[in-house]
Amino acid sequence: MTFFNPEGIPPLVASTMVRIERRLPYPGEVLVRQGSRVEPEDIVARTLKPVDLQIINVARQLGVPPRLVPRAMRRAKGAKVKANDLLARAPGLFGRGCVAPVGGMVADVDGETGYVTIAPDPVEQTITAALRGLVMDVMPYEGVILETPAAQIYGAFGIGEERSGVLRLLALEPNEQVQPKQIDAGSAYAILICGASISAEALRLAVTHQVRGIIVGGIEERELRSFMGWQSYAAWQTGVSSWQWPNPQQVSQLPFTIVVTEGFGVRPMNQAFFELLSTQDRQEALIDGQTCLRRPMRRPRVIIPLNRASGNQIQPPRLPLRVGATVRLLDYEHLGQLATVRSFTTAPRRIPSGVRAAAVEVTLTEGGTCWLPRTCVEVMS
C-alpha cells in the first residue's frame, strides 16, 4: 500500500513541542489551572455522562392490568430510587413485587400501557492528562490543551484510542517478527515495540496480559482479520458512512491500541523509527491509533515526552524537498525504505509506469537509483 501525506508533516520528529487537546465528551468541570504541571495519571477534567432511560413493564411483572399500575406504585413520579428498591407491588397478601433495576429517578408512570420509566443517575466520567506536560490553555467546561517537548512518530494506519504506557522493546532488529512467547506478564500496561510483523495469536496474548499498545512495522491482513473477528469486508469500507478507518460501526472497542508504521504484510520497521523507539525503551509514551482519511486528516501517532530543554519548535516543520534530503519511500516496491534525493523535476516527467508526473530521482540505501512520483516520497525530519 502507499500513503500520501498531503499535510506535509514529517513522519518522524526527534524533538519538538507537541500540543495535545484533552476534551470532555459533555460539558463538565475542569480541575486544573493554566500553567499547572501534570503527570499522565492526573485527572484534568470530569463530567456527568447521561445514561439511557430504563423502561420497565411493571404490569407484566405484577400480573395486573395496566390501569392498576399507578395504584400499585410504591414510589411516586419524581421520587428517587436505589437499585433493588421496591418499585411497585400487586394488591393482596401474596401480591408480586417489582424492584428498580438501577438507581435513579422515577420519570414517568403510564397507566395506559403499564410501563414505568426510570432516569438512571448519570455516571461520572473523567479524563486524565495521558502524558507529562504543562497546561497551556483551559477551555471552560470542556477541557485543556497540554504542551510538552516530545519526539513524535506518525504511522500509516492504526486502530484504537489514545492510551498511555511505558515503552517496552521486544524486537532487537526492525526486521524481526515478534513471537507469542515474548509477550508475558512483564508486558502488562506497556506499549510494545515490535519489528516487522505480529500474529493474531500474539495479539490475543496481549489482551490477556493487559498490554496498552503495540507499535509494529506491518501486519498481515489475515492475521488482523482473525484477531478482530471480521467475517466480511464491511470494516474496510471508508467513505460510505465514515471516513475513519476501520469503519467505527463495524469495530468494537479494542482493549489496546495498534499503530502500524509501514503497511500491510511483513514490513520491517523503518530504521530511523526503530532507532528512536529503542533509545526510549522504558520511557513513558502516548499512543493514538485513530485514522481518518479526509480533512481534518488524522494519522496514528506515538508521542514520547522529553525534557523541556530538548524542544524548540512549536509545530512540526513542513520540510522542503531538496537535493540531499533523506526521504522515506511510499511506493509498493520500496515501501518504508530510506533513500536520498538525487534530483527532481519541476515539470511532469514520464516515469517507468508510463505515467507523466512530477518526479523525484532517489538513491537507494543498497545502491542504484530510480525515479518515483513526488507523492511517493516523504521527507524525514
Protein backbone atom coordinates (compact mmCIF):
# COMPACT_ATOMS: atom_id res chain seq x y z
CA MET A 1 0.00 0.00 0.00
CA THR A 2 1.06 3.63 -0.38
CA PHE A 3 0.25 6.50 1.93
CA PHE A 4 0.23 10.04 0.54
CA ASN A 5 0.58 12.66 3.23
CA PRO A 6 -0.83 15.98 1.92
CA GLU A 7 -0.36 17.68 5.29
CA GLY A 8 3.42 17.74 4.78
CA ILE A 9 4.19 16.80 8.39
CA PRO A 10 7.33 14.65 8.58
CA PRO A 11 6.71 11.10 9.83
CA LEU A 12 9.45 11.43 12.44
CA VAL A 13 10.30 14.45 14.57
CA ALA A 14 13.07 13.79 17.08
CA SER A 15 12.41 16.91 19.17
CA THR A 16 9.51 19.33 19.01
CA MET A 17 6.83 20.99 21.14
CA VAL A 18 3.68 18.88 20.97
CA ARG A 19 0.24 20.18 21.90
CA ILE A 20 -2.45 17.73 22.97
CA GLU A 21 -6.13 18.57 23.41
CA ARG A 22 -7.92 16.73 26.22
CA ARG A 23 -11.66 17.36 25.80
CA LEU A 24 -14.70 16.07 27.70
CA PRO A 25 -17.50 14.35 25.73
CA TYR A 26 -20.06 16.50 27.62
CA PRO A 27 -19.76 19.87 29.37
CA GLY A 28 -18.30 19.47 32.83
CA GLU A 29 -15.69 20.77 35.26
CA VAL A 30 -12.02 21.48 34.55
CA LEU A 31 -9.87 20.60 37.59
CA VAL A 32 -6.53 22.23 36.69
CA ARG A 33 -5.41 25.80 36.06
CA GLN A 34 -3.42 27.31 33.24
CA GLY A 35 0.29 26.90 33.89
CA SER A 36 -0.11 23.78 36.05
CA ARG A 37 2.25 20.86 35.56
CA VAL A 38 0.53 17.50 35.18
CA GLU A 39 1.55 13.83 35.17
CA PRO A 40 -0.01 11.14 32.94
CA GLU A 41 -2.34 9.82 35.69
CA ASP A 42 -3.57 13.25 36.84
CA ILE A 43 -7.30 13.86 36.31
CA VAL A 44 -7.67 17.17 34.46
CA ALA A 45 -11.46 17.30 33.95
CA ARG A 46 -14.63 15.43 34.85
CA THR A 47 -18.27 15.36 33.80
CA LEU A 48 -21.51 13.50 34.44
CA LYS A 49 -22.39 11.27 31.49
CA PRO A 50 -26.14 10.75 30.95
CA VAL A 51 -27.40 7.16 30.84
CA ASP A 52 -30.18 5.79 28.64
CA LEU A 53 -33.65 5.65 30.19
CA GLN A 54 -34.79 2.32 31.65
CA ILE A 55 -38.35 1.36 30.65
CA ILE A 56 -39.92 -1.40 32.75
CA ASN A 57 -43.10 -3.37 32.00
CA VAL A 58 -44.45 -3.23 35.56
CA ALA A 59 -47.90 -4.53 34.59
CA ARG A 60 -46.42 -7.78 33.26
CA GLN A 61 -44.16 -8.28 36.28
CA LEU A 62 -47.04 -7.75 38.72
CA GLY A 63 -49.56 -9.66 36.60
CA VAL A 64 -52.15 -6.85 36.78
CA PRO A 65 -53.94 -4.73 34.13
CA PRO A 66 -52.05 -1.57 33.10
CA ARG A 67 -54.71 0.71 34.62
CA LEU A 68 -53.90 -0.66 38.11
CA VAL A 69 -50.16 0.13 37.87
CA PRO A 70 -50.40 3.75 39.21
CA ARG A 71 -52.27 2.43 42.27
CA ALA A 72 -49.68 -0.35 42.81
CA MET A 73 -46.70 2.03 42.74
CA ARG A 74 -44.69 2.36 45.98
CA ARG A 75 -42.60 5.23 44.55
CA ALA A 76 -44.36 8.27 43.12
CA LYS A 77 -43.36 10.04 39.93
CA GLY A 78 -40.29 12.20 40.61
CA ALA A 79 -39.15 10.09 43.59
CA LYS A 80 -35.53 8.92 43.90
CA VAL A 81 -34.90 5.18 43.98
CA LYS A 82 -31.90 2.95 44.53
CA ALA A 83 -31.14 -0.28 42.73
CA ASN A 84 -33.32 -3.17 44.05
CA ASP A 85 -35.70 -0.78 45.87
CA LEU A 86 -39.33 -1.93 45.79
CA LEU A 87 -40.95 -0.03 42.92
CA ALA A 88 -44.47 -1.48 42.95
CA ARG A 89 -46.47 -4.34 44.49
CA ALA A 90 -49.68 -6.02 43.34
CA PRO A 91 -52.64 -5.84 45.74
CA GLY A 92 -53.23 -8.79 48.03
CA LEU A 93 -51.33 -10.53 50.80
CA PHE A 94 -49.09 -12.50 48.43
CA GLY A 95 -49.04 -9.99 45.56
CA ARG A 96 -45.97 -9.98 43.36
CA GLY A 97 -43.46 -7.12 43.57
CA CYS A 98 -41.29 -5.21 41.09
CA VAL A 99 -37.91 -3.75 42.03
CA ALA A 100 -35.91 -0.96 40.40
CA PRO A 101 -33.13 -2.40 38.16
CA VAL A 102 -30.97 0.73 38.59
CA GLY A 103 -30.74 3.74 40.84
CA GLY A 104 -32.22 6.99 39.60
CA MET A 105 -35.50 8.89 39.46
CA VAL A 106 -38.98 7.70 38.52
CA ALA A 107 -39.55 9.79 35.39
CA ASP A 108 -42.95 8.52 34.26
CA VAL A 109 -45.76 6.13 35.20
CA ASP A 110 -48.04 5.23 32.27
CA GLY A 111 -51.45 3.91 33.33
CA GLU A 112 -52.45 3.07 29.75
CA THR A 113 -49.50 0.76 28.91
CA GLY A 114 -48.37 -0.29 32.38
CA TYR A 115 -44.81 0.87 31.74
CA VAL A 116 -42.67 2.81 34.24
CA THR A 117 -39.68 4.90 33.09
CA ILE A 118 -36.63 5.40 35.30
CA ALA A 119 -33.99 8.04 34.53
CA PRO A 120 -30.77 6.47 35.88
CA ASP A 121 -28.27 8.55 37.80
CA PRO A 122 -25.57 9.97 35.49
CA VAL A 123 -22.17 8.29 35.56
CA GLU A 124 -19.08 10.32 36.43
CA GLN A 125 -16.53 10.32 33.60
CA THR A 126 -13.03 11.70 33.95
CA ILE A 127 -10.16 12.34 31.57
CA THR A 128 -6.50 12.18 32.54
CA ALA A 129 -3.60 14.18 31.18
CA ALA A 130 -2.25 10.98 29.49
CA LEU A 131 1.25 12.48 29.36
CA ARG A 132 3.59 14.67 31.38
CA GLY A 133 3.40 18.34 30.43
CA LEU A 134 2.21 21.89 31.07
CA VAL A 135 -1.39 23.18 30.87
CA MET A 136 -1.12 25.88 28.19
CA ASP A 137 -4.81 26.73 27.88
CA VAL A 138 -8.07 25.94 29.66
CA MET A 139 -11.33 25.56 27.72
CA PRO A 140 -14.02 26.33 30.34
CA TYR A 141 -16.40 23.38 30.91
CA GLU A 142 -14.72 21.45 28.06
CA GLY A 143 -11.10 20.53 28.71
CA VAL A 144 -7.48 21.64 28.44
CA ILE A 145 -4.63 21.95 25.96
CA LEU A 146 -1.36 20.46 27.15
CA GLU A 147 2.12 21.20 25.81
CA THR A 148 5.25 19.14 26.22
CA PRO A 149 8.58 18.71 24.43
CA ALA A 150 8.46 15.33 22.77
CA ALA A 151 9.59 13.04 19.99
CA GLN A 152 6.79 12.17 17.61
CA ILE A 153 6.27 9.35 15.09
CA TYR A 154 3.41 9.11 12.60
CA GLY A 155 2.24 5.71 11.33
CA ALA A 156 0.50 4.60 8.14
CA PHE A 157 -2.66 3.37 9.88
CA GLY A 158 -3.84 2.34 13.30
CA ILE A 159 -6.72 1.10 15.42
CA GLY A 160 -7.72 2.22 18.91
CA GLU A 161 -8.00 5.31 21.05
CA GLU A 162 -5.41 7.35 22.95
CA ARG A 163 -3.62 5.38 25.65
CA SER A 164 -0.51 5.98 27.72
CA GLY A 165 2.04 3.48 28.97
CA VAL A 166 5.72 2.61 29.25
CA LEU A 167 7.59 1.58 26.11
CA ARG A 168 8.95 -1.98 26.13
CA LEU A 169 11.32 -3.19 23.42
CA LEU A 170 10.53 -6.73 22.23
CA ALA A 171 12.33 -6.86 18.87
CA LEU A 172 16.09 -6.45 18.67
CA GLU A 173 16.04 -5.71 14.93
CA PRO A 174 13.49 -3.84 12.78
CA ASN A 175 13.01 -6.92 10.55
CA GLU A 176 12.36 -9.30 13.46
CA GLN A 177 8.90 -10.88 13.82
CA VAL A 178 7.59 -10.95 17.39
CA GLN A 179 6.75 -14.44 18.71
CA PRO A 180 3.78 -15.05 21.04
CA LYS A 181 6.06 -16.38 23.81
CA GLN A 182 7.76 -12.95 24.03
CA ILE A 183 4.55 -11.39 25.39
CA ASP A 184 4.41 -12.25 29.08
CA ALA A 185 3.38 -10.75 32.41
CA GLY A 186 6.17 -8.17 32.07
CA SER A 187 4.21 -6.62 29.19
CA ALA A 188 1.33 -5.54 31.43
CA TYR A 189 0.36 -1.88 30.94
CA ALA A 190 3.22 -1.43 28.45
CA ILE A 191 3.41 -0.20 24.85
CA LEU A 192 5.29 -2.91 22.96
CA ILE A 193 7.86 -2.04 20.29
CA CYS A 194 7.71 -4.86 17.76
CA GLY A 195 9.56 -5.43 14.48
CA ALA A 196 8.29 -6.43 11.06
CA SER A 197 5.02 -8.17 11.98
CA ILE A 198 2.86 -9.67 14.71
CA SER A 199 0.45 -12.61 14.64
CA ALA A 200 -3.17 -12.90 15.76
CA GLU A 201 -2.07 -15.33 18.50
CA ALA A 202 0.36 -12.74 19.87
CA LEU A 203 -2.37 -10.07 19.79
CA ARG A 204 -4.68 -12.32 21.81
CA LEU A 205 -1.93 -12.81 24.38
CA ALA A 206 -1.53 -9.03 24.52
CA VAL A 207 -5.19 -8.79 25.55
CA THR A 208 -4.64 -11.43 28.25
CA HIS A 209 -1.62 -9.59 29.67
CA GLN A 210 -3.34 -6.16 29.58
CA VAL A 211 -0.99 -4.54 27.08
CA ARG A 212 -1.73 -0.83 26.44
CA GLY A 213 -0.43 -0.56 22.87
CA ILE A 214 1.57 -2.13 20.05
CA ILE A 215 3.89 -0.40 17.56
CA VAL A 216 4.79 -2.61 14.61
CA GLY A 217 6.16 -2.20 11.09
CA GLY A 218 3.48 -4.28 9.36
CA ILE A 219 0.67 -6.75 9.90
CA GLU A 220 -0.72 -9.34 7.54
CA GLU A 221 -4.35 -8.88 6.57
CA ARG A 222 -5.38 -12.43 7.52
CA GLU A 223 -3.85 -12.02 10.99
CA LEU A 224 -5.66 -8.74 11.60
CA ARG A 225 -8.96 -10.15 10.32
CA SER A 226 -8.56 -13.23 12.52
CA PHE A 227 -7.85 -11.17 15.63
CA MET A 228 -10.65 -8.67 15.02
CA GLY A 229 -13.14 -11.38 14.06
CA TRP A 230 -14.11 -9.67 10.82
CA GLN A 231 -16.23 -12.02 8.69
CA SER A 232 -16.83 -9.53 5.85
CA TYR A 233 -15.14 -6.55 4.26
CA ALA A 234 -17.59 -4.04 5.79
CA ALA A 235 -14.96 -2.83 8.29
CA TRP A 236 -12.64 -1.92 5.39
CA GLN A 237 -15.17 0.32 3.62
CA THR A 238 -14.43 4.02 4.09
CA GLY A 239 -16.35 6.94 2.65
CA VAL A 240 -19.74 5.19 2.75
CA SER A 241 -20.82 6.14 6.27
CA SER A 242 -17.49 7.31 7.70
CA TRP A 243 -14.02 8.35 6.57
CA GLN A 244 -12.49 6.80 9.66
CA TRP A 245 -10.55 3.58 9.22
CA PRO A 246 -11.55 1.00 10.16
CA ASN A 247 -15.27 1.75 9.96
CA PRO A 248 -16.29 2.56 13.58
CA GLN A 249 -19.70 0.96 13.02
CA GLN A 250 -18.01 -2.39 12.41
CA VAL A 251 -15.32 -2.34 15.10
CA SER A 252 -15.86 -2.93 18.79
CA GLN A 253 -13.62 -1.09 21.23
CA LEU A 254 -10.17 -2.68 21.47
CA PRO A 255 -8.53 -3.17 24.87
CA PHE A 256 -5.29 -1.76 23.41
CA THR A 257 -4.12 0.43 20.53
CA ILE A 258 -2.21 -0.66 17.42
CA VAL A 259 -0.04 1.66 15.30
CA VAL A 260 1.39 0.22 12.06
CA THR A 261 4.26 2.33 10.73
CA GLU A 262 4.73 0.87 7.21
CA GLY A 263 1.67 -1.01 5.91
CA PHE A 264 0.04 -4.40 5.42
CA GLY A 265 2.21 -7.50 5.14
CA VAL A 266 5.52 -8.37 6.77
CA ARG A 267 7.19 -4.95 6.67
CA PRO A 268 10.44 -4.22 8.53
CA MET A 269 10.04 -1.10 10.61
CA ASN A 270 11.74 1.99 9.26
CA GLN A 271 15.30 2.05 10.66
CA ALA A 272 15.01 5.66 11.87
CA PHE A 273 11.73 4.85 13.66
CA PHE A 274 13.21 1.76 15.27
CA GLU A 275 16.34 3.54 16.46
CA LEU A 276 14.34 6.36 18.06
CA LEU A 277 11.92 3.97 19.77
CA SER A 278 14.66 1.65 21.00
CA THR A 279 16.58 4.53 22.60
CA GLN A 280 13.39 5.46 24.51
CA ASP A 281 12.87 1.96 25.94
CA ARG A 282 11.23 2.09 29.42
CA GLN A 283 10.11 5.69 28.88
CA GLU A 284 6.52 6.94 29.14
CA ALA A 285 4.67 7.46 25.87
CA LEU A 286 1.23 8.22 24.42
CA ILE A 287 -0.10 6.11 21.55
CA ASP A 288 -3.08 7.08 19.37
CA GLY A 289 -4.35 4.74 16.66
CA GLN A 290 -7.23 6.82 15.29
CA THR A 291 -7.08 7.15 11.50
CA CYS A 292 -9.19 9.50 9.34
CA LEU A 293 -8.69 9.57 5.56
CA ARG A 294 -10.02 13.05 4.77
CA ARG A 295 -9.69 16.52 6.23
CA PRO A 296 -9.28 17.01 9.04
CA MET A 297 -6.86 14.13 8.43
CA ARG A 298 -5.85 12.17 11.47
CA ARG A 299 -2.81 9.94 11.34
CA PRO A 300 -1.96 7.43 14.07
CA ARG A 301 0.98 8.61 16.12
CA VAL A 302 3.27 7.92 19.06
CA ILE A 303 4.35 10.77 21.35
CA ILE A 304 7.32 10.34 23.70
CA PRO A 305 7.73 13.22 26.19
CA LEU A 306 11.27 14.60 26.59
CA ASN A 307 12.93 17.03 28.99
CA ARG A 308 11.78 20.61 28.42
CA ALA A 309 15.28 21.64 27.32
CA SER A 310 15.02 19.29 24.32
CA GLY A 311 12.25 21.00 22.32
CA ASN A 312 12.39 24.27 20.48
CA GLN A 313 9.67 24.10 17.79
CA ILE A 314 6.00 24.77 18.41
CA GLN A 315 4.80 22.65 15.48
CA PRO A 316 6.46 20.00 13.31
CA PRO A 317 8.03 21.82 10.35
CA ARG A 318 6.88 21.42 6.77
CA LEU A 319 10.22 20.28 5.42
CA PRO A 320 11.03 21.24 1.79
CA LEU A 321 12.04 18.65 -0.76
CA ARG A 322 15.68 19.35 -1.66
CA VAL A 323 18.68 17.56 -3.13
CA GLY A 324 20.43 15.54 -0.43
CA ALA A 325 17.34 15.24 1.80
CA THR A 326 16.57 11.89 3.41
CA VAL A 327 13.17 10.58 2.37
CA ARG A 328 11.01 7.57 3.14
CA LEU A 329 9.64 5.78 0.08
CA LEU A 330 5.91 5.04 -0.08
CA ASP A 331 5.55 3.10 -3.32
CA TYR A 332 4.67 -0.59 -3.20
CA GLU A 333 8.08 -1.89 -4.27
CA HIS A 334 10.14 0.20 -1.82
CA LEU A 335 7.60 0.83 0.94
CA GLY A 336 9.30 2.00 4.15
CA GLN A 337 12.83 2.19 2.74
CA LEU A 338 15.03 5.24 3.25
CA ALA A 339 16.66 6.98 0.30
CA THR A 340 18.46 10.22 -0.59
CA VAL A 341 17.13 12.76 -3.09
CA ARG A 342 19.46 12.99 -6.09
CA SER A 343 17.39 15.33 -8.26
CA PHE A 344 13.78 16.27 -9.00
CA THR A 345 11.83 17.85 -11.82
CA THR A 346 9.64 20.92 -11.85
CA ALA A 347 7.79 19.75 -14.98
CA PRO A 348 5.97 16.39 -15.39
CA ARG A 349 8.24 13.53 -16.41
CA ARG A 350 7.42 10.09 -17.73
CA ILE A 351 8.22 7.53 -15.02
CA PRO A 352 8.72 3.75 -15.53
CA SER A 353 4.99 3.06 -15.08
CA GLY A 354 4.31 5.19 -18.16
CA VAL A 355 2.56 7.99 -16.25
CA ARG A 356 3.71 11.61 -16.59
CA ALA A 357 4.02 13.21 -13.17
CA ALA A 358 6.23 15.45 -11.05
CA ALA A 359 9.03 13.06 -10.21
CA VAL A 360 11.98 12.62 -7.86
CA GLU A 361 15.20 10.70 -8.53
CA VAL A 362 16.43 8.97 -5.40
CA THR A 363 19.50 6.97 -4.45
CA LEU A 364 18.57 3.78 -2.61
CA THR A 365 20.44 2.66 0.50
CA GLU A 366 21.52 -0.60 -1.14
CA GLY A 367 22.78 1.29 -4.21
CA GLY A 368 21.18 2.22 -7.50
CA THR A 369 18.77 4.99 -8.41
CA CYS A 370 15.15 5.20 -9.51
CA TRP A 371 12.53 7.79 -10.45
CA LEU A 372 9.36 7.99 -8.36
CA PRO A 373 6.33 10.31 -8.25
CA ARG A 374 6.72 13.08 -5.69
CA THR A 375 3.67 11.74 -3.86
CA CYS A 376 5.63 8.53 -3.16
CA VAL A 377 8.36 10.19 -1.09
CA GLU A 378 8.07 11.58 2.42
CA VAL A 379 10.74 13.92 3.78
CA MET A 380 12.17 12.78 7.11
CA SER A 381 12.86 15.29 9.85
